[in-house]
Amino acid sequence: MVGASGVLGRATLPHLAGHDVTGTTRAADKCAGLVALGARAEICDVYQADALARLARTCAPDVVVNFLTDLAGGPGPSNSRIRREGGPIVTAAARASGARRLLVESVAFATSGTPAAAVAALEEDAAASGLEVVIVRFGRFWGPGTWAESAPEPPAIHVAEAGRRAAALILAGRPGVHVVAEPSCERDERAVRSPRSRTGGGVVDGG
């Protein structure tokens, strides 16, 4: 799980108890927290592509999870960069490791401009990987550790529920695109949807 120390990773790990999970973080002071949540912690910066590929080959995972975000300063260029540049690095590491499955965190809400292009690039790169790909478009997170104490504008999802459902998708989600949001605004996860176009187009039902 790349980006395991973020809010979604922390919410997901408890639901993967009993599975062998390696979680990466860029910060040494976050390793103890990952261990407490049941993961083996590894310090790795996604932009060090060779180091991530070596780690992936050493772990030889069945599933690689991309939960990377860079929101320390709020949504902006750093978060777009990690999607646009970091996403392909994770995908390459997954292929190098012999992983069967790749799950990628995306968003269910509309964006525009550079952020929309970065989200589209992230999804397109994953879809073209040749792996069994699960793209998860999450609503806006709320709850402990997020920026919102109450449900924000839809689509939204409480972070604890997002973690529970992310774990289920990691383990057994069907390949395709899933929307994870609260009932008032969620689409049926059983419907597999097409990736966004690079123009940031909406979700299209795939049957």
C-alpha atoms as a PDB file:
ATOM      1  CA  MET A   1       0.000   0.000   0.000  1.00  0.00           C
ATOM      2  CA  VAL A   2       1.746   3.126  -1.254  1.00  0.00           C
ATOM      3  CA  GLY A   3       0.713   6.175   0.760  1.00  0.00           C
ATOM      4  CA  ALA A   4      -0.488   4.059   3.667  1.00  0.00           C
ATOM      5  CA  SER A   5      -0.022   6.745   6.306  1.00  0.00           C
ATOM      6  CA  GLY A   6      -2.633   9.049   4.791  1.00  0.00           C
ATOM      7  CA  VAL A   7      -6.149   9.305   6.183  1.00  0.00           C
ATOM      8  CA  LEU A   8      -7.559   6.682   3.801  1.00  0.00           C
ATOM      9  CA  GLY A   9      -4.737   4.226   4.423  1.00  0.00           C
ATOM     10  CA  ARG A  10      -5.157   4.548   8.179  1.00  0.00           C
ATOM     11  CA  ALA A  11      -8.883   3.897   7.831  1.00  0.00           C
ATOM     12  CA  THR A  12      -8.348   0.894   5.566  1.00  0.00           C
ATOM     13  CA  LEU A  13      -5.581  -1.029   7.324  1.00  0.00           C
ATOM     14  CA  PRO A  14      -7.655  -2.289  10.295  1.00  0.00           C
ATOM     15  CA  HIS A  15      -9.982  -4.003   7.811  1.00  0.00           C
ATOM     16  CA  LEU A  16      -7.064  -5.921   6.288  1.00  0.00           C
ATOM     17  CA  ALA A  17      -6.176  -7.718   9.524  1.00  0.00           C
ATOM     18  CA  GLY A  18      -4.886 -11.203   8.818  1.00  0.00           C
ATOM     19  CA  HIS A  19      -3.368 -10.193   5.502  1.00  0.00           C
ATOM     20  CA  ASP A  20       0.319  -9.491   4.923  1.00  0.00           C
ATOM     21  CA  VAL A  21       0.398  -5.745   4.227  1.00  0.00           C
ATOM     22  CA  THR A  22       3.403  -3.521   3.626  1.00  0.00           C
ATOM     23  CA  GLY A  23       2.645   0.179   3.885  1.00  0.00           C
ATOM     24  CA  THR A  24       4.884   2.975   2.678  1.00  0.00           C
ATOM     25  CA  THR A  25       5.324   6.442   4.088  1.00  0.00           C
ATOM     26  CA  ARG A  26       7.777   9.249   3.464  1.00  0.00           C
ATOM     27  CA  ALA A  27       7.943  10.127   7.171  1.00  0.00           C
ATOM     28  CA  ALA A  28       9.871   8.023   9.673  1.00  0.00           C
ATOM     29  CA  ASP A  29       7.694   9.272  12.531  1.00  0.00           C
ATOM     30  CA  LYS A  30       4.644   7.634  10.927  1.00  0.00           C
ATOM     31  CA  CYS A  31       6.079   4.128  10.871  1.00  0.00           C
ATOM     32  CA  ALA A  32       4.987   3.232  14.405  1.00  0.00           C
ATOM     33  CA  GLY A  33       1.417   4.175  13.558  1.00  0.00           C
ATOM     34  CA  LEU A  34       1.413   1.885  10.543  1.00  0.00           C
ATOM     35  CA  VAL A  35       2.783  -0.988  12.602  1.00  0.00           C
ATOM     36  CA  ALA A  36       0.076  -0.414  15.210  1.00  0.00           C
ATOM     37  CA  LEU A  37      -2.509  -0.741  12.438  1.00  0.00           C
ATOM     38  CA  GLY A  38      -1.098  -4.099  11.397  1.00  0.00           C
ATOM     39  CA  ALA A  39       1.190  -3.195   8.501  1.00  0.00           C
ATOM     40  CA  ARG A  40       4.898  -3.645   7.960  1.00  0.00           C
ATOM     41  CA  ALA A  41       6.137  -0.081   7.542  1.00  0.00           C
ATOM     42  CA  GLU A  42       8.653   0.975   4.900  1.00  0.00           C
ATOM     43  CA  ILE A  43      10.022   4.474   4.319  1.00  0.00           C
ATOM     44  CA  CYS A  44       9.911   5.244   0.610  1.00  0.00           C
ATOM     45  CA  ASP A  45       9.426   8.371  -1.474  1.00  0.00           C
ATOM     46  CA  VAL A  46       7.378   7.649  -4.595  1.00  0.00           C
ATOM     47  CA  TYR A  47       9.541   9.985  -6.646  1.00  0.00           C
ATOM     48  CA  GLN A  48      12.493   7.646  -6.015  1.00  0.00           C
ATOM     49  CA  ALA A  49      11.263   5.248  -8.672  1.00  0.00           C
ATOM     50  CA  ASP A  50      14.131   2.768  -8.439  1.00  0.00           C
ATOM     51  CA  ALA A  51      13.746   2.463  -4.676  1.00  0.00           C
ATOM     52  CA  LEU A  52      10.009   1.848  -4.963  1.00  0.00           C
ATOM     53  CA  ALA A  53      10.541  -0.757  -7.679  1.00  0.00           C
ATOM     54  CA  ARG A  54      13.131  -2.559  -5.526  1.00  0.00           C
ATOM     55  CA  LEU A  55      10.775  -2.540  -2.559  1.00  0.00           C
ATOM     56  CA  ALA A  56       7.938  -3.863  -4.694  1.00  0.00           C
ATOM     57  CA  ARG A  57      10.072  -6.701  -6.050  1.00  0.00           C
ATOM     58  CA  THR A  58      11.182  -7.581  -2.520  1.00  0.00           C
ATOM     59  CA  CYS A  59       7.607  -7.654  -1.234  1.00  0.00           C
ATOM     60  CA  ALA A  60       6.296  -9.488  -4.326  1.00  0.00           C
ATOM     61  CA  PRO A  61       2.711  -8.421  -3.580  1.00  0.00           C
ATOM     62  CA  ASP A  62      -0.403  -9.911  -5.081  1.00  0.00           C
ATOM     63  CA  VAL A  63      -2.090  -6.487  -4.922  1.00  0.00           C
ATOM     64  CA  VAL A  64      -0.576  -2.998  -5.125  1.00  0.00           C
ATOM     65  CA  VAL A  65      -2.636  -0.117  -3.732  1.00  0.00           C
ATOM     66  CA  ASN A  66      -2.040   3.508  -4.697  1.00  0.00           C
ATOM     67  CA  PHE A  67      -3.397   5.780  -1.953  1.00  0.00           C
ATOM     68  CA  LEU A  68      -0.997   8.615  -2.711  1.00  0.00           C
ATOM     69  CA  THR A  69      -2.038  12.198  -2.069  1.00  0.00           C
ATOM     70  CA  ASP A  70      -0.080  15.329  -1.204  1.00  0.00           C
ATOM     71  CA  LEU A  71      -2.508  17.601   0.600  1.00  0.00           C
ATOM     72  CA  ALA A  72      -0.320  19.095   3.319  1.00  0.00           C
ATOM     73  CA  GLY A  73      -0.895  22.535   1.852  1.00  0.00           C
ATOM     74  CA  GLY A  74      -4.384  21.807   0.588  1.00  0.00           C
ATOM     75  CA  PRO A  75      -5.440  20.786  -2.920  1.00  0.00           C
ATOM     76  CA  GLY A  76      -2.996  22.221  -5.415  1.00  0.00           C
ATOM     77  CA  PRO A  77       0.031  21.591  -7.607  1.00  0.00           C
ATOM     78  CA  SER A  78       1.646  19.065  -5.273  1.00  0.00           C
ATOM     79  CA  ASN A  79      -1.418  16.842  -5.275  1.00  0.00           C
ATOM     80  CA  SER A  80      -1.762  17.077  -9.044  1.00  0.00           C
ATOM     81  CA  ARG A  81       1.903  16.226  -9.440  1.00  0.00           C
ATOM     82  CA  ILE A  82       1.696  13.124  -7.279  1.00  0.00           C
ATOM     83  CA  ARG A  83      -1.218  11.872  -9.365  1.00  0.00           C
ATOM     84  CA  ARG A  84       0.386  12.744 -12.697  1.00  0.00           C
ATOM     85  CA  GLU A  85       3.962  11.659 -11.923  1.00  0.00           C
ATOM     86  CA  GLY A  86       3.629   9.378  -8.910  1.00  0.00           C
ATOM     87  CA  GLY A  87       0.813   7.276 -10.364  1.00  0.00           C
ATOM     88  CA  PRO A  88       2.876   5.916 -13.280  1.00  0.00           C
ATOM     89  CA  ILE A  89       5.776   5.185 -10.915  1.00  0.00           C
ATOM     90  CA  VAL A  90       3.495   3.058  -8.728  1.00  0.00           C
ATOM     91  CA  THR A  91       2.088   1.321 -11.806  1.00  0.00           C
ATOM     92  CA  ALA A  92       5.580   0.525 -13.081  1.00  0.00           C
ATOM     93  CA  ALA A  93       6.574  -0.838  -9.672  1.00  0.00           C
ATOM     94  CA  ALA A  94       3.444  -3.005  -9.613  1.00  0.00           C
ATOM     95  CA  ARG A  95       4.306  -4.482 -12.995  1.00  0.00           C
ATOM     96  CA  ALA A  96       7.933  -5.001 -11.980  1.00  0.00           C
ATOM     97  CA  SER A  97       6.868  -6.843  -8.841  1.00  0.00           C
ATOM     98  CA  GLY A  98       4.670  -9.324 -10.692  1.00  0.00           C
ATOM     99  CA  ALA A  99       1.538  -8.087  -8.940  1.00  0.00           C
ATOM    100  CA  ARG A 100      -1.776  -9.334 -10.277  1.00  0.00           C
ATOM    101  CA  ARG A 101      -3.949  -6.441  -9.186  1.00  0.00           C
ATOM    102  CA  LEU A 102      -3.701  -2.642  -8.941  1.00  0.00           C
ATOM    103  CA  LEU A 103      -6.138  -0.487  -6.985  1.00  0.00           C
ATOM    104  CA  VAL A 104      -6.001   3.293  -7.387  1.00  0.00           C
ATOM    105  CA  GLU A 105      -7.659   6.023  -5.327  1.00  0.00           C
ATOM    106  CA  SER A 106      -9.447   8.600  -7.467  1.00  0.00           C
ATOM    107  CA  VAL A 107     -12.253  11.110  -6.875  1.00  0.00           C
ATOM    108  CA  ALA A 108     -15.994  11.049  -7.561  1.00  0.00           C
ATOM    109  CA  PHE A 109     -16.477  14.815  -7.528  1.00  0.00           C
ATOM    110  CA  ALA A 110     -15.922  17.192 -10.399  1.00  0.00           C
ATOM    111  CA  THR A 111     -12.640  19.042 -10.805  1.00  0.00           C
ATOM    112  CA  SER A 112     -11.356  21.265 -13.577  1.00  0.00           C
ATOM    113  CA  GLY A 113      -8.153  22.478 -15.148  1.00  0.00           C
ATOM    114  CA  THR A 114      -4.883  20.959 -13.960  1.00  0.00           C
ATOM    115  CA  PRO A 115      -6.427  18.838 -11.162  1.00  0.00           C
ATOM    116  CA  ALA A 116      -8.922  17.287 -13.606  1.00  0.00           C
ATOM    117  CA  ALA A 117      -6.154  16.509 -16.087  1.00  0.00           C
ATOM    118  CA  ALA A 118      -4.084  14.914 -13.317  1.00  0.00           C
ATOM    119  CA  VAL A 119      -6.981  12.704 -12.196  1.00  0.00           C
ATOM    120  CA  ALA A 120      -7.629  11.652 -15.797  1.00  0.00           C
ATOM    121  CA  ALA A 121      -3.938  10.854 -16.317  1.00  0.00           C
ATOM    122  CA  LEU A 122      -3.874   8.780 -13.111  1.00  0.00           C
ATOM    123  CA  GLU A 123      -6.859   6.705 -14.182  1.00  0.00           C
ATOM    124  CA  GLU A 124      -5.694   6.298 -17.780  1.00  0.00           C
ATOM    125  CA  ASP A 125      -2.248   5.130 -16.685  1.00  0.00           C
ATOM    126  CA  ALA A 126      -3.758   2.520 -14.374  1.00  0.00           C
ATOM    127  CA  ALA A 127      -6.235   1.337 -16.998  1.00  0.00           C
ATOM    128  CA  ALA A 128      -3.419   0.845 -19.521  1.00  0.00           C
ATOM    129  CA  SER A 129      -1.214  -1.116 -17.092  1.00  0.00           C
ATOM    130  CA  GLY A 130      -2.220  -4.577 -18.272  1.00  0.00           C
ATOM    131  CA  LEU A 131      -2.997  -5.531 -14.662  1.00  0.00           C
ATOM    132  CA  GLU A 132      -6.341  -6.329 -13.057  1.00  0.00           C
ATOM    133  CA  VAL A 133      -7.295  -2.731 -12.288  1.00  0.00           C
ATOM    134  CA  VAL A 134      -9.755  -1.366  -9.739  1.00  0.00           C
ATOM    135  CA  ILE A 135     -10.223   2.408  -9.846  1.00  0.00           C
ATOM    136  CA  VAL A 136     -12.085   3.745  -6.822  1.00  0.00           C
ATOM    137  CA  ARG A 137     -13.648   7.185  -7.088  1.00  0.00           C
ATOM    138  CA  PHE A 138     -14.296   8.367  -3.542  1.00  0.00           C
ATOM    139  CA  GLY A 139     -16.624  11.112  -2.448  1.00  0.00           C
ATOM    140  CA  ARG A 140     -15.261  13.934  -0.297  1.00  0.00           C
ATOM    141  CA  PHE A 141     -13.977  12.519   2.979  1.00  0.00           C
ATOM    142  CA  TRP A 142     -15.323  13.700   6.301  1.00  0.00           C
ATOM    143  CA  GLY A 143     -14.769  12.642   9.897  1.00  0.00           C
ATOM    144  CA  PRO A 144     -11.672  12.274  12.105  1.00  0.00           C
ATOM    145  CA  GLY A 145      -8.417  13.264  10.449  1.00  0.00           C
ATOM    146  CA  THR A 146     -10.117  15.009   7.528  1.00  0.00           C
ATOM    147  CA  TRP A 147     -10.901  18.656   6.862  1.00  0.00           C
ATOM    148  CA  ALA A 148     -14.615  18.251   7.625  1.00  0.00           C
ATOM    149  CA  GLU A 149     -16.337  17.289  10.872  1.00  0.00           C
ATOM    150  CA  SER A 150     -19.723  16.864   9.192  1.00  0.00           C
ATOM    151  CA  ALA A 151     -20.751  15.657   5.769  1.00  0.00           C
ATOM    152  CA  PRO A 152     -19.752  18.146   3.066  1.00  0.00           C
ATOM    153  CA  GLU A 153     -21.400  18.736  -0.280  1.00  0.00           C
ATOM    154  CA  PRO A 154     -22.154  15.441  -2.072  1.00  0.00           C
ATOM    155  CA  PRO A 155     -20.671  13.203  -3.183  1.00  0.00           C
ATOM    156  CA  ALA A 156     -19.248  12.519   0.268  1.00  0.00           C
ATOM    157  CA  ILE A 157     -18.229   9.554   2.417  1.00  0.00           C
ATOM    158  CA  HIS A 158     -17.275   9.208   6.078  1.00  0.00           C
ATOM    159  CA  VAL A 159     -13.621   8.228   6.167  1.00  0.00           C
ATOM    160  CA  ALA A 160     -14.253   5.185   8.370  1.00  0.00           C
ATOM    161  CA  GLU A 161     -16.786   3.839   5.874  1.00  0.00           C
ATOM    162  CA  ALA A 162     -14.430   4.688   3.017  1.00  0.00           C
ATOM    163  CA  GLY A 163     -11.763   2.555   4.668  1.00  0.00           C
ATOM    164  CA  ARG A 164     -14.099  -0.363   5.200  1.00  0.00           C
ATOM    165  CA  ARG A 165     -15.256  -0.346   1.606  1.00  0.00           C
ATOM    166  CA  ALA A 166     -11.755   0.236   0.259  1.00  0.00           C
ATOM    167  CA  ALA A 167     -10.560  -2.902   2.022  1.00  0.00           C
ATOM    168  CA  ALA A 168     -13.398  -4.932   0.509  1.00  0.00           C
ATOM    169  CA  LEU A 169     -12.497  -3.647  -2.954  1.00  0.00           C
ATOM    170  CA  ILE A 170      -8.798  -4.376  -2.431  1.00  0.00           C
ATOM    171  CA  LEU A 171      -9.608  -7.972  -1.596  1.00  0.00           C
ATOM    172  CA  ALA A 172     -12.488  -8.760  -3.911  1.00  0.00           C
ATOM    173  CA  GLY A 173     -13.654  -5.771  -5.941  1.00  0.00           C
ATOM    174  CA  ARG A 174     -14.385  -6.522  -9.568  1.00  0.00           C
ATOM    175  CA  PRO A 175     -12.079  -4.874 -12.107  1.00  0.00           C
ATOM    176  CA  GLY A 176     -13.394  -1.542 -13.342  1.00  0.00           C
ATOM    177  CA  VAL A 177     -14.398   1.774 -11.842  1.00  0.00           C
ATOM    178  CA  HIS A 178     -16.295   1.955  -8.542  1.00  0.00           C
ATOM    179  CA  VAL A 179     -17.856   5.003  -6.923  1.00  0.00           C
ATOM    180  CA  VAL A 180     -17.727   5.052  -3.117  1.00  0.00           C
ATOM    181  CA  ALA A 181     -20.009   7.684  -1.638  1.00  0.00           C
ATOM    182  CA  GLU A 182     -22.790   7.840   0.916  1.00  0.00           C
ATOM    183  CA  PRO A 183     -26.213   6.461  -0.069  1.00  0.00           C
ATOM    184  CA  SER A 184     -27.762   9.767  -1.039  1.00  0.00           C
ATOM    185  CA  CYS A 185     -25.289  10.193  -3.877  1.00  0.00           C
ATOM    186  CA  GLU A 186     -23.637   6.871  -4.567  1.00  0.00           C
ATOM    187  CA  ARG A 187     -23.905   4.818  -7.736  1.00  0.00           C
ATOM    188  CA  ASP A 188     -24.320   1.077  -7.485  1.00  0.00           C
ATOM    189  CA  GLU A 189     -20.836  -0.364  -7.089  1.00  0.00           C
ATOM    190  CA  ARG A 190     -21.910  -3.418  -9.065  1.00  0.00           C
ATOM    191  CA  ALA A 191     -21.910  -1.271 -12.191  1.00  0.00           C
ATOM    192  CA  VAL A 192     -18.463  -1.185 -13.744  1.00  0.00           C
ATOM    193  CA  ARG A 193     -17.721   2.177 -15.293  1.00  0.00           C
ATOM    194  CA  SER A 194     -15.392   3.498 -17.920  1.00  0.00           C
ATOM    195  CA  PRO A 195     -12.350   5.605 -16.957  1.00  0.00           C
ATOM    196  CA  ARG A 196     -12.605   9.338 -17.442  1.00  0.00           C
ATOM    197  CA  SER A 197     -11.419  10.813 -20.666  1.00  0.00           C
ATOM    198  CA  ARG A 198      -8.506  13.187 -20.408  1.00  0.00           C
ATOM    199  CA  THR A 199     -11.033  16.020 -20.558  1.00  0.00           C
ATOM    200  CA  GLY A 200     -12.381  14.988 -17.166  1.00  0.00           C
ATOM    201  CA  GLY A 201     -15.694  13.638 -18.437  1.00  0.00           C
ATOM    202  CA  GLY A 202     -18.281  12.162 -16.129  1.00  0.00           C
ATOM    203  CA  VAL A 203     -18.958   8.602 -15.060  1.00  0.00           C
ATOM    204  CA  VAL A 204     -20.516   6.378 -17.700  1.00  0.00           C
ATOM    205  CA  ASP A 205     -22.467   3.274 -16.722  1.00  0.00           C
ATOM    206  CA  GLY A 206     -20.991   0.131 -18.172  1.00  0.00           C
ATOM    207  CA  GLY A 207     -23.921  -2.183 -17.467  1.00  0.00           C
END
